N, C-alpha and C. Protein backbone atom coordinates (compact mmCIF):
# COMPACT_ATOMS: atom_id res chain seq x y z
N MET A 1 0.74 -1.46 -0.11
CA MET A 1 0.05 0.02 -0.17
C MET A 1 0.91 1.15 -0.02
N SER A 2 0.87 2.16 -0.84
CA SER A 2 1.60 3.51 -1.00
C SER A 2 1.12 4.51 0.29
N ASP A 3 2.19 5.43 0.52
CA ASP A 3 1.79 6.07 1.37
C ASP A 3 0.59 6.98 1.51
N LEU A 4 0.37 7.22 0.26
CA LEU A 4 -0.86 8.13 0.06
C LEU A 4 -2.11 7.53 0.38
N GLN A 5 -2.20 5.85 -0.27
CA GLN A 5 -3.30 5.11 0.31
C GLN A 5 -3.45 4.95 1.57
N GLN A 6 -2.38 4.95 2.35
CA GLN A 6 -2.21 4.86 3.72
C GLN A 6 -2.72 6.08 4.57
N LEU A 7 -2.46 7.22 3.90
CA LEU A 7 -2.94 8.27 4.45
C LEU A 7 -4.51 8.84 4.07
N TYR A 8 -4.93 8.19 3.07
CA TYR A 8 -6.50 8.25 2.74
C TYR A 8 -7.18 7.22 3.52
N GLN A 9 -6.81 5.84 3.74
CA GLN A 9 -7.20 5.19 4.88
C GLN A 9 -7.32 5.64 6.26
N GLN A 10 -6.45 6.35 6.58
CA GLN A 10 -6.18 7.10 8.07
C GLN A 10 -7.27 8.23 8.15
N VAL A 11 -7.40 8.93 7.13
CA VAL A 11 -8.72 10.19 7.12
C VAL A 11 -9.97 9.36 7.40
N ILE A 12 -10.07 8.03 6.30
CA ILE A 12 -11.53 7.53 6.64
C ILE A 12 -11.71 7.02 8.29
N LEU A 13 -10.79 6.66 8.66
CA LEU A 13 -10.80 5.93 9.97
C LEU A 13 -10.77 7.08 11.30
N ASP A 14 -10.28 8.00 10.83
CA ASP A 14 -10.17 9.30 11.94
C ASP A 14 -11.80 9.83 11.59
N HIS A 15 -12.33 10.01 10.72
CA HIS A 15 -13.52 10.52 10.44
C HIS A 15 -14.66 9.50 10.82
N SER A 16 -14.68 8.24 10.88
CA SER A 16 -15.53 7.32 11.17
C SER A 16 -15.03 7.36 12.88
N ARG A 17 -14.42 7.42 13.49
CA ARG A 17 -14.22 7.65 15.16
C ARG A 17 -14.74 9.07 15.56
N ALA A 18 -14.28 9.81 14.93
CA ALA A 18 -14.57 11.36 15.37
C ALA A 18 -15.87 11.70 14.67
N ARG A 19 -16.77 11.75 14.59
CA ARG A 19 -17.79 11.73 13.52
C ARG A 19 -18.41 13.31 13.82
N HIS A 20 -18.19 14.03 12.91
CA HIS A 20 -18.38 15.64 12.93
C HIS A 20 -19.73 15.85 12.28
N GLY A 21 -20.53 16.41 13.03
CA GLY A 21 -21.72 16.96 12.83
C GLY A 21 -22.81 15.68 13.32
N HIS A 22 -22.43 14.76 14.25
CA HIS A 22 -23.43 13.85 14.62
C HIS A 22 -23.96 14.07 15.40
N GLY A 23 -25.25 13.87 15.50
CA GLY A 23 -26.31 14.28 16.48
C GLY A 23 -27.61 14.93 15.70
N GLU A 24 -28.56 14.99 16.44
CA GLU A 24 -29.60 15.60 15.87
C GLU A 24 -29.96 17.11 16.05
N ILE A 25 -30.45 17.87 15.12
CA ILE A 25 -30.55 19.50 15.29
C ILE A 25 -31.92 19.78 15.34
N GLU A 26 -32.23 20.83 16.12
CA GLU A 26 -33.42 21.37 16.33
C GLU A 26 -33.32 22.63 16.30
N PRO A 27 -34.42 23.57 15.81
CA PRO A 27 -35.35 23.17 14.49
C PRO A 27 -34.61 22.86 13.47
N TYR A 28 -35.35 22.06 12.62
CA TYR A 28 -34.79 21.90 11.03
C TYR A 28 -35.91 22.38 10.20
N SER A 29 -35.44 22.48 8.94
CA SER A 29 -36.14 22.90 7.98
C SER A 29 -36.61 21.55 7.08
N ALA A 30 -35.73 20.17 7.09
CA ALA A 30 -36.21 19.17 6.50
C ALA A 30 -35.26 18.07 6.89
N GLU A 31 -35.83 16.90 6.67
CA GLU A 31 -34.90 15.70 7.03
C GLU A 31 -35.14 14.73 5.76
N SER A 32 -34.22 13.49 5.90
CA SER A 32 -34.10 12.50 5.02
C SER A 32 -33.88 11.37 5.94
N PHE A 33 -34.11 10.48 5.65
CA PHE A 33 -33.70 9.05 6.09
C PHE A 33 -33.56 8.00 4.83
N GLN A 34 -32.35 7.66 4.83
CA GLN A 34 -31.82 6.70 3.61
C GLN A 34 -31.02 5.61 3.96
N VAL A 35 -31.66 4.37 3.44
CA VAL A 35 -30.89 3.12 3.78
C VAL A 35 -30.50 2.47 2.75
N ASN A 36 -28.92 2.00 2.76
CA ASN A 36 -28.51 1.19 1.87
C ASN A 36 -28.76 -0.26 1.92
N PRO A 37 -29.87 -0.76 0.81
CA PRO A 37 -30.11 -1.94 1.23
C PRO A 37 -29.47 -3.38 0.97
N THR A 38 -28.06 -2.85 0.58
CA THR A 38 -27.18 -3.94 0.32
C THR A 38 -26.45 -4.19 1.60
N CYS A 39 -26.17 -3.36 2.61
CA CYS A 39 -25.47 -3.55 3.59
C CYS A 39 -26.14 -3.24 4.80
N GLY A 40 -27.12 -2.28 4.69
CA GLY A 40 -27.80 -2.13 5.92
C GLY A 40 -27.74 -0.83 6.66
N ASP A 41 -26.51 -0.05 5.92
CA ASP A 41 -26.15 1.18 6.26
C ASP A 41 -27.42 2.11 6.74
N GLU A 42 -27.61 3.07 7.46
CA GLU A 42 -28.81 3.61 7.45
C GLU A 42 -28.13 5.33 7.88
N VAL A 43 -28.94 6.29 7.51
CA VAL A 43 -28.82 7.74 8.34
C VAL A 43 -30.24 8.43 8.11
N ARG A 44 -30.20 9.06 9.12
CA ARG A 44 -31.44 10.07 9.05
C ARG A 44 -30.64 11.79 9.24
N LEU A 45 -30.67 12.47 8.18
CA LEU A 45 -29.77 13.49 8.05
C LEU A 45 -31.20 14.87 8.27
N ARG A 46 -30.58 15.81 8.99
CA ARG A 46 -31.39 17.11 8.95
C ARG A 46 -30.71 17.98 8.55
N VAL A 47 -31.43 19.01 7.66
CA VAL A 47 -30.79 20.27 7.41
C VAL A 47 -31.56 21.52 8.19
N ARG A 48 -30.81 22.59 8.33
CA ARG A 48 -31.54 23.95 8.68
C ARG A 48 -31.20 24.97 7.76
N LEU A 49 -32.02 25.62 6.98
CA LEU A 49 -31.48 26.45 5.81
C LEU A 49 -32.21 27.94 6.45
N GLU A 50 -31.05 28.85 6.22
CA GLU A 50 -31.28 30.22 6.41
C GLU A 50 -31.28 31.02 5.19
N TRP A 51 -32.01 32.01 4.97
CA TRP A 51 -32.09 32.65 3.84
C TRP A 51 -31.59 34.04 3.72
N ASP A 52 -30.68 34.67 3.01
CA ASP A 52 -30.15 35.85 2.72
C ASP A 52 -30.72 36.47 1.39
N GLY A 53 -31.94 37.31 1.36
CA GLY A 53 -32.65 37.30 0.24
C GLY A 53 -32.93 36.33 -0.71
N SER A 54 -32.79 35.72 -1.67
CA SER A 54 -33.15 34.64 -2.45
C SER A 54 -32.05 33.37 -2.12
N VAL A 55 -30.87 33.85 -1.53
CA VAL A 55 -30.04 32.79 -1.59
C VAL A 55 -29.90 31.97 -0.12
N ALA A 56 -30.41 30.60 -0.60
CA ALA A 56 -30.39 29.51 0.89
C ALA A 56 -29.22 29.23 1.36
N ARG A 57 -28.63 29.31 2.70
CA ARG A 57 -27.37 28.92 3.08
C ARG A 57 -27.65 27.58 4.01
N LEU A 58 -26.90 26.68 4.09
CA LEU A 58 -27.08 25.59 4.99
C LEU A 58 -26.46 26.03 6.26
N ALA A 59 -27.35 26.57 7.18
CA ALA A 59 -26.72 26.77 8.57
C ALA A 59 -26.47 25.79 9.43
N GLU A 60 -27.12 24.72 9.34
CA GLU A 60 -26.89 23.74 10.16
C GLU A 60 -27.36 22.45 9.81
N LEU A 61 -26.35 21.34 9.83
CA LEU A 61 -26.60 20.07 9.31
C LEU A 61 -26.21 18.81 10.57
N GLY A 62 -27.05 17.79 10.73
CA GLY A 62 -26.87 16.93 11.64
C GLY A 62 -27.24 15.79 11.13
N TRP A 63 -26.80 14.77 12.00
CA TRP A 63 -27.30 13.41 10.95
C TRP A 63 -27.19 12.23 12.25
N MET A 64 -27.84 11.41 12.31
CA MET A 64 -27.72 9.93 12.91
C MET A 64 -27.70 9.12 12.26
N GLY A 65 -26.79 8.06 12.29
CA GLY A 65 -26.79 6.82 11.48
C GLY A 65 -26.02 5.76 12.26
N ARG A 66 -25.72 4.75 11.29
CA ARG A 66 -25.07 3.59 11.70
C ARG A 66 -24.75 2.93 10.31
N GLY A 67 -23.67 2.12 10.55
CA GLY A 67 -23.12 1.74 9.31
C GLY A 67 -21.54 1.41 9.47
N CYS A 68 -21.06 1.05 8.39
CA CYS A 68 -19.80 0.90 8.16
C CYS A 68 -18.70 2.41 8.28
N SER A 69 -17.39 1.94 8.34
CA SER A 69 -16.74 3.23 8.78
C SER A 69 -16.74 4.26 7.51
N ILE A 70 -16.73 3.41 6.27
CA ILE A 70 -17.12 4.34 5.18
C ILE A 70 -18.26 5.04 5.09
N SER A 71 -19.42 4.64 5.34
CA SER A 71 -20.43 5.38 5.36
C SER A 71 -20.46 6.43 6.42
N GLN A 72 -19.76 6.14 7.49
CA GLN A 72 -19.94 7.27 8.50
C GLN A 72 -19.07 8.18 8.53
N ALA A 73 -18.08 7.73 8.06
CA ALA A 73 -16.70 8.74 7.51
C ALA A 73 -16.92 9.72 6.64
N SER A 74 -18.08 9.08 5.36
CA SER A 74 -18.38 10.10 4.64
C SER A 74 -19.56 10.90 4.89
N LEU A 75 -20.33 10.87 5.76
CA LEU A 75 -20.98 11.73 6.64
C LEU A 75 -20.26 12.83 7.02
N SER A 76 -19.35 12.21 8.03
CA SER A 76 -18.55 13.35 8.67
C SER A 76 -17.80 14.46 8.01
N VAL A 77 -17.30 13.88 6.63
CA VAL A 77 -16.73 14.55 5.90
C VAL A 77 -17.45 15.57 4.95
N LEU A 78 -18.91 14.99 4.94
CA LEU A 78 -19.76 15.70 4.04
C LEU A 78 -19.99 16.81 5.07
N HIS A 79 -20.41 16.94 6.16
CA HIS A 79 -20.71 17.70 7.09
C HIS A 79 -19.71 18.94 7.30
N ASP A 80 -18.27 18.33 7.16
CA ASP A 80 -17.17 19.32 7.17
C ASP A 80 -17.09 20.36 5.95
N LEU A 81 -17.66 19.52 4.62
CA LEU A 81 -17.67 20.42 3.44
C LEU A 81 -18.93 21.43 3.30
N VAL A 82 -19.94 20.99 3.71
CA VAL A 82 -21.14 21.49 3.47
C VAL A 82 -21.98 22.67 4.54
N ALA A 83 -21.73 22.43 5.54
CA ALA A 83 -22.15 23.17 6.62
C ALA A 83 -21.92 24.87 6.44
N GLY A 84 -22.42 25.52 6.56
CA GLY A 84 -22.49 26.97 6.29
C GLY A 84 -22.36 27.20 4.70
N GLN A 85 -22.27 26.70 4.00
CA GLN A 85 -22.16 26.81 2.53
C GLN A 85 -23.68 27.39 2.03
N ASP A 86 -23.66 28.00 0.86
CA ASP A 86 -25.00 28.25 0.21
C ASP A 86 -25.50 26.66 -0.51
N VAL A 87 -26.71 26.65 -0.73
CA VAL A 87 -27.14 25.42 -1.03
C VAL A 87 -26.78 25.17 -2.53
N ALA A 88 -26.56 26.18 -3.38
CA ALA A 88 -25.89 25.85 -5.02
C ALA A 88 -24.42 24.99 -4.75
N ARG A 89 -23.59 25.74 -3.46
CA ARG A 89 -22.29 25.11 -3.46
C ARG A 89 -22.22 23.96 -2.96
N SER A 90 -23.60 23.64 -1.92
CA SER A 90 -23.42 22.20 -1.46
C SER A 90 -23.74 21.27 -2.41
N GLU A 91 -24.64 21.92 -3.46
CA GLU A 91 -25.06 20.62 -4.39
C GLU A 91 -23.96 20.63 -5.29
N GLU A 92 -23.19 21.70 -5.54
CA GLU A 92 -22.02 21.25 -6.50
C GLU A 92 -21.01 20.50 -5.68
N LEU A 93 -20.66 20.78 -4.89
CA LEU A 93 -19.51 19.52 -3.82
C LEU A 93 -20.23 18.15 -4.13
N GLY A 94 -21.73 18.12 -3.82
CA GLY A 94 -22.28 16.71 -3.90
C GLY A 94 -22.27 16.18 -5.32
N GLU A 95 -22.40 17.18 -6.26
CA GLU A 95 -21.75 16.56 -7.82
C GLU A 95 -20.43 16.04 -7.75
N THR A 96 -19.38 16.94 -7.37
CA THR A 96 -18.01 16.42 -7.55
C THR A 96 -17.84 15.35 -6.73
N PHE A 97 -18.40 15.04 -5.81
CA PHE A 97 -18.34 13.77 -5.00
C PHE A 97 -18.80 12.72 -5.65
N ARG A 98 -20.08 12.90 -6.41
CA ARG A 98 -20.54 11.60 -7.17
C ARG A 98 -19.70 11.41 -8.32
N GLU A 99 -19.10 12.09 -8.78
CA GLU A 99 -18.34 12.39 -10.05
C GLU A 99 -16.78 11.35 -9.42
N LEU A 100 -16.55 11.83 -8.36
CA LEU A 100 -15.33 10.98 -7.88
C LEU A 100 -15.69 9.54 -7.64
N MET A 101 -16.82 9.34 -7.03
CA MET A 101 -17.32 7.68 -7.00
C MET A 101 -17.53 7.00 -8.10
N HIS A 102 -17.91 7.60 -9.33
CA HIS A 102 -18.16 7.01 -10.38
C HIS A 102 -16.95 7.03 -11.49
N GLY A 103 -15.78 7.34 -11.00
CA GLY A 103 -14.59 7.59 -11.57
C GLY A 103 -13.79 6.32 -11.34
N ARG A 104 -14.17 5.39 -10.60
CA ARG A 104 -13.36 4.05 -10.43
C ARG A 104 -12.08 4.04 -9.96
N GLY A 105 -12.01 4.99 -8.90
CA GLY A 105 -10.32 4.88 -8.57
C GLY A 105 -9.62 6.10 -9.17
N GLN A 106 -10.16 6.66 -10.18
CA GLN A 106 -9.03 7.63 -11.13
C GLN A 106 -9.29 9.07 -10.26
N GLU A 107 -8.50 9.68 -10.07
CA GLU A 107 -8.23 11.14 -9.40
C GLU A 107 -8.98 12.25 -10.43
N LEU A 108 -9.37 13.08 -9.76
CA LEU A 108 -10.37 14.36 -10.26
C LEU A 108 -9.47 15.22 -10.73
N GLU A 109 -9.41 16.16 -11.64
CA GLU A 109 -8.59 17.46 -11.89
C GLU A 109 -8.48 18.01 -10.52
N PRO A 110 -7.16 18.84 -10.30
CA PRO A 110 -6.56 19.25 -8.93
C PRO A 110 -7.64 20.57 -8.41
N ALA A 111 -8.03 20.93 -9.14
CA ALA A 111 -9.37 22.02 -8.52
C ALA A 111 -10.41 21.26 -7.98
N LYS A 112 -10.79 20.41 -8.65
CA LYS A 112 -11.97 19.75 -8.08
C LYS A 112 -11.36 18.61 -6.60
N GLN A 113 -10.38 18.50 -6.83
CA GLN A 113 -9.78 17.56 -5.45
C GLN A 113 -9.65 18.41 -4.41
N ASP A 114 -8.91 19.70 -4.69
CA ASP A 114 -9.07 20.77 -3.75
C ASP A 114 -10.22 21.07 -2.94
N ALA A 115 -11.45 21.18 -3.88
CA ALA A 115 -12.77 21.58 -3.41
C ALA A 115 -13.23 20.25 -2.57
N LEU A 116 -12.68 19.24 -2.81
CA LEU A 116 -13.44 17.95 -1.92
C LEU A 116 -12.59 17.89 -0.61
N GLN A 117 -11.31 18.46 -0.54
CA GLN A 117 -10.55 18.35 0.61
C GLN A 117 -10.45 16.87 0.97
N ASP A 118 -11.04 16.58 2.45
CA ASP A 118 -10.80 15.34 2.93
C ASP A 118 -11.55 14.19 2.20
N ALA A 119 -12.43 14.42 1.40
CA ALA A 119 -13.38 14.01 0.67
C ALA A 119 -12.75 12.79 -0.23
N THR A 120 -11.58 13.60 -0.84
CA THR A 120 -10.60 12.98 -1.89
C THR A 120 -9.96 11.66 -1.32
N ALA A 121 -10.27 11.41 -0.17
CA ALA A 121 -9.72 10.28 0.54
C ALA A 121 -10.48 9.15 0.14
N PHE A 122 -11.54 9.33 -0.27
CA PHE A 122 -12.63 8.13 -0.86
C PHE A 122 -12.27 7.71 -2.12
N VAL A 123 -11.38 8.11 -3.04
CA VAL A 123 -11.24 7.76 -4.30
C VAL A 123 -10.67 6.30 -4.49
N GLY A 124 -10.02 5.62 -3.44
CA GLY A 124 -10.14 4.39 -3.40
C GLY A 124 -11.14 3.45 -3.23
N VAL A 125 -11.98 4.13 -2.76
CA VAL A 125 -13.32 3.21 -2.55
C VAL A 125 -14.31 3.11 -3.61
N ALA A 126 -13.88 3.94 -4.50
CA ALA A 126 -14.48 3.83 -6.02
C ALA A 126 -14.21 2.88 -6.63
N ARG A 127 -13.08 2.27 -6.33
CA ARG A 127 -12.61 0.97 -7.11
C ARG A 127 -13.52 -0.27 -6.77
N TYR A 128 -14.41 -0.17 -5.64
CA TYR A 128 -14.91 -1.29 -5.38
C TYR A 128 -16.48 -0.73 -5.26
N PRO A 129 -17.09 -1.55 -6.31
CA PRO A 129 -18.86 -0.82 -6.57
C PRO A 129 -19.42 -1.41 -5.19
N ALA A 130 -19.47 -2.23 -4.71
CA ALA A 130 -20.13 -2.59 -3.61
C ALA A 130 -20.03 -1.74 -2.72
N ARG A 131 -18.85 -0.70 -2.29
CA ARG A 131 -18.63 -0.03 -1.64
C ARG A 131 -19.16 1.73 -1.59
N ILE A 132 -19.26 1.81 -3.27
CA ILE A 132 -19.65 3.33 -3.18
C ILE A 132 -21.04 3.55 -2.74
N LYS A 133 -22.11 2.61 -2.64
CA LYS A 133 -23.38 3.18 -2.10
C LYS A 133 -22.83 3.64 -0.71
N CYS A 134 -21.93 2.98 -0.15
CA CYS A 134 -21.77 3.31 1.18
C CYS A 134 -21.15 4.77 1.38
N ALA A 135 -20.53 5.22 0.43
CA ALA A 135 -19.79 6.55 0.30
C ALA A 135 -20.76 7.37 0.06
N LEU A 136 -21.76 7.08 -0.72
CA LEU A 136 -22.80 8.04 -1.23
C LEU A 136 -24.04 8.05 -0.52
N LEU A 137 -24.03 7.34 0.74
CA LEU A 137 -25.46 7.14 1.37
C LEU A 137 -25.69 8.75 2.10
N GLY A 138 -24.80 9.18 2.54
CA GLY A 138 -25.14 10.37 3.02
C GLY A 138 -25.49 11.80 2.35
N TRP A 139 -24.73 11.73 1.15
CA TRP A 139 -24.96 12.65 0.04
C TRP A 139 -26.07 12.60 -0.76
N MET A 140 -26.61 11.22 -0.77
CA MET A 140 -28.00 11.12 -1.22
C MET A 140 -28.97 11.75 -0.27
N ALA A 141 -28.71 11.26 0.79
CA ALA A 141 -29.49 11.97 2.00
C ALA A 141 -29.76 13.70 2.09
N LEU A 142 -28.23 14.46 2.10
CA LEU A 142 -28.77 15.46 1.75
C LEU A 142 -29.13 16.32 0.42
N ARG A 143 -28.80 15.35 -0.61
CA ARG A 143 -29.65 15.85 -1.55
C ARG A 143 -31.39 15.82 -1.55
N ASP A 144 -31.60 14.62 -0.93
CA ASP A 144 -33.13 14.39 -0.74
C ASP A 144 -33.55 15.81 0.40
N ALA A 145 -33.00 15.89 1.43
CA ALA A 145 -33.27 16.92 2.32
C ALA A 145 -33.30 18.30 1.73
N LEU A 146 -32.35 18.78 1.10
CA LEU A 146 -32.66 20.03 0.42
C LEU A 146 -33.73 20.14 -0.62
N ALA A 147 -33.81 19.08 -0.96
CA ALA A 147 -34.84 19.06 -2.15
C ALA A 147 -36.14 19.52 -1.34
N HIS A 148 -36.66 18.68 -0.25
CA HIS A 148 -37.44 19.09 0.51
C HIS A 148 -37.55 20.48 1.22
N ALA A 149 -36.65 20.73 1.59
CA ALA A 149 -36.42 22.00 2.32
C ALA A 149 -36.77 22.99 1.38
N LEU A 150 -36.36 23.23 0.19
CA LEU A 150 -36.70 23.94 -1.11
C LEU A 150 -38.10 23.93 -1.81
N THR A 151 -38.52 22.89 -1.35
CA THR A 151 -39.81 22.89 -2.20
C THR A 151 -41.18 22.57 -1.52
N THR A 152 -40.90 22.61 0.04
CA THR A 152 -42.15 22.44 0.81
C THR A 152 -42.32 23.78 1.63
N PRO A 153 -43.34 24.08 2.34
CA PRO A 153 -43.55 25.31 2.98
C PRO A 153 -42.55 25.04 4.24
N ALA A 154 -41.72 26.08 4.61
CA ALA A 154 -40.80 25.75 5.72
C ALA A 154 -41.75 26.05 6.80
N THR A 155 -41.25 25.11 8.05
CA THR A 155 -41.71 25.23 9.33
C THR A 155 -40.56 24.94 10.45
N ASN A 156 -40.84 25.23 11.46
CA ASN A 156 -39.45 25.14 12.64
C ASN A 156 -39.85 23.56 13.36
N HIS A 157 -40.78 23.15 12.67
CA HIS A 157 -41.45 21.50 13.21
C HIS A 157 -42.03 21.77 14.31
N ASP A 158 -42.77 22.85 14.75
CA ASP A 158 -43.54 23.14 15.90
C ASP A 158 -44.94 23.65 15.02
N GLY A 159 -44.69 23.62 14.07
CA GLY A 159 -46.01 24.30 13.28
C GLY A 159 -46.02 25.42 13.02
N ALA A 160 -45.09 26.40 13.34
CA ALA A 160 -45.12 27.92 13.02
C ALA A 160 -44.00 27.84 11.75
N ALA A 161 -44.92 28.76 10.91
CA ALA A 161 -44.09 29.03 9.42
C ALA A 161 -42.54 29.66 9.82
N THR A 162 -41.83 29.52 9.08
CA THR A 162 -40.60 30.11 9.31
C THR A 162 -39.98 30.81 7.60
N SER A 163 -39.04 31.72 7.43
CA SER A 163 -38.67 32.10 6.11
C SER A 163 -38.32 30.93 5.57
N GLY A 164 -38.45 30.78 4.08
CA GLY A 164 -37.72 29.41 3.61
C GLY A 164 -38.16 29.47 2.10
N ALA A 165 -38.57 28.23 1.84
CA ALA A 165 -38.96 27.80 0.32
C ALA A 165 -40.05 28.82 -0.19
N LEU A 166 -41.04 29.21 0.71
CA LEU A 166 -41.85 30.20 0.01
C LEU A 166 -41.53 31.38 -0.19
N GLN A 167 -40.23 31.77 0.17
CA GLN A 167 -39.81 33.39 0.28
C GLN A 167 -39.58 33.64 -1.49
N GLU A 168 -39.26 32.83 -2.00
CA GLU A 168 -39.12 33.32 -3.56
C GLU A 168 -40.36 33.57 -4.28
N GLU A 169 -41.52 32.72 -3.59
CA GLU A 169 -42.51 32.76 -4.34
C GLU A 169 -43.15 34.04 -3.98
N ASP A 170 -42.92 34.57 -2.47
CA ASP A 170 -43.61 35.97 -2.47
C ASP A 170 -42.92 36.99 -2.91
N GLN A 171 -41.96 36.95 -3.79
CA GLN A 171 -41.07 38.16 -4.39
C GLN A 171 -41.67 38.35 -5.59
């Protein structure tokens, strides 16, 4: 195993042990529950959006899940990458990560690798088709939660409306 592969493996192990963003958040704009039927990994991911005019920002993200070190580490890395980002940037990072996973172990161009930060450690995972779903689980949950947050009336989950998805329609 090369030094770079060992470093990547260590990044994944570190993130699976010290899970960034692990825990439920309240209030939240939307949530998504996803299961990998192949291995049983699961995650419940919640997002809270804040709006600055017409731009939605991912103010907070929290998740609860169980599964292999790859799925748990991927969720931790995802949290570090997207928390505080605007939704468009979060979706762009998700698309870049999906590109990495579908590259069958081929590294991305340097600018994309830089954007993914610790997520580039999953390049080796992409060589194993059965493990790709583990790495993508949290990213699919994020995509789903953001879609719900942006297309449904926003509430703080105690029934009171908040600014959010309907804001653009009001303008």
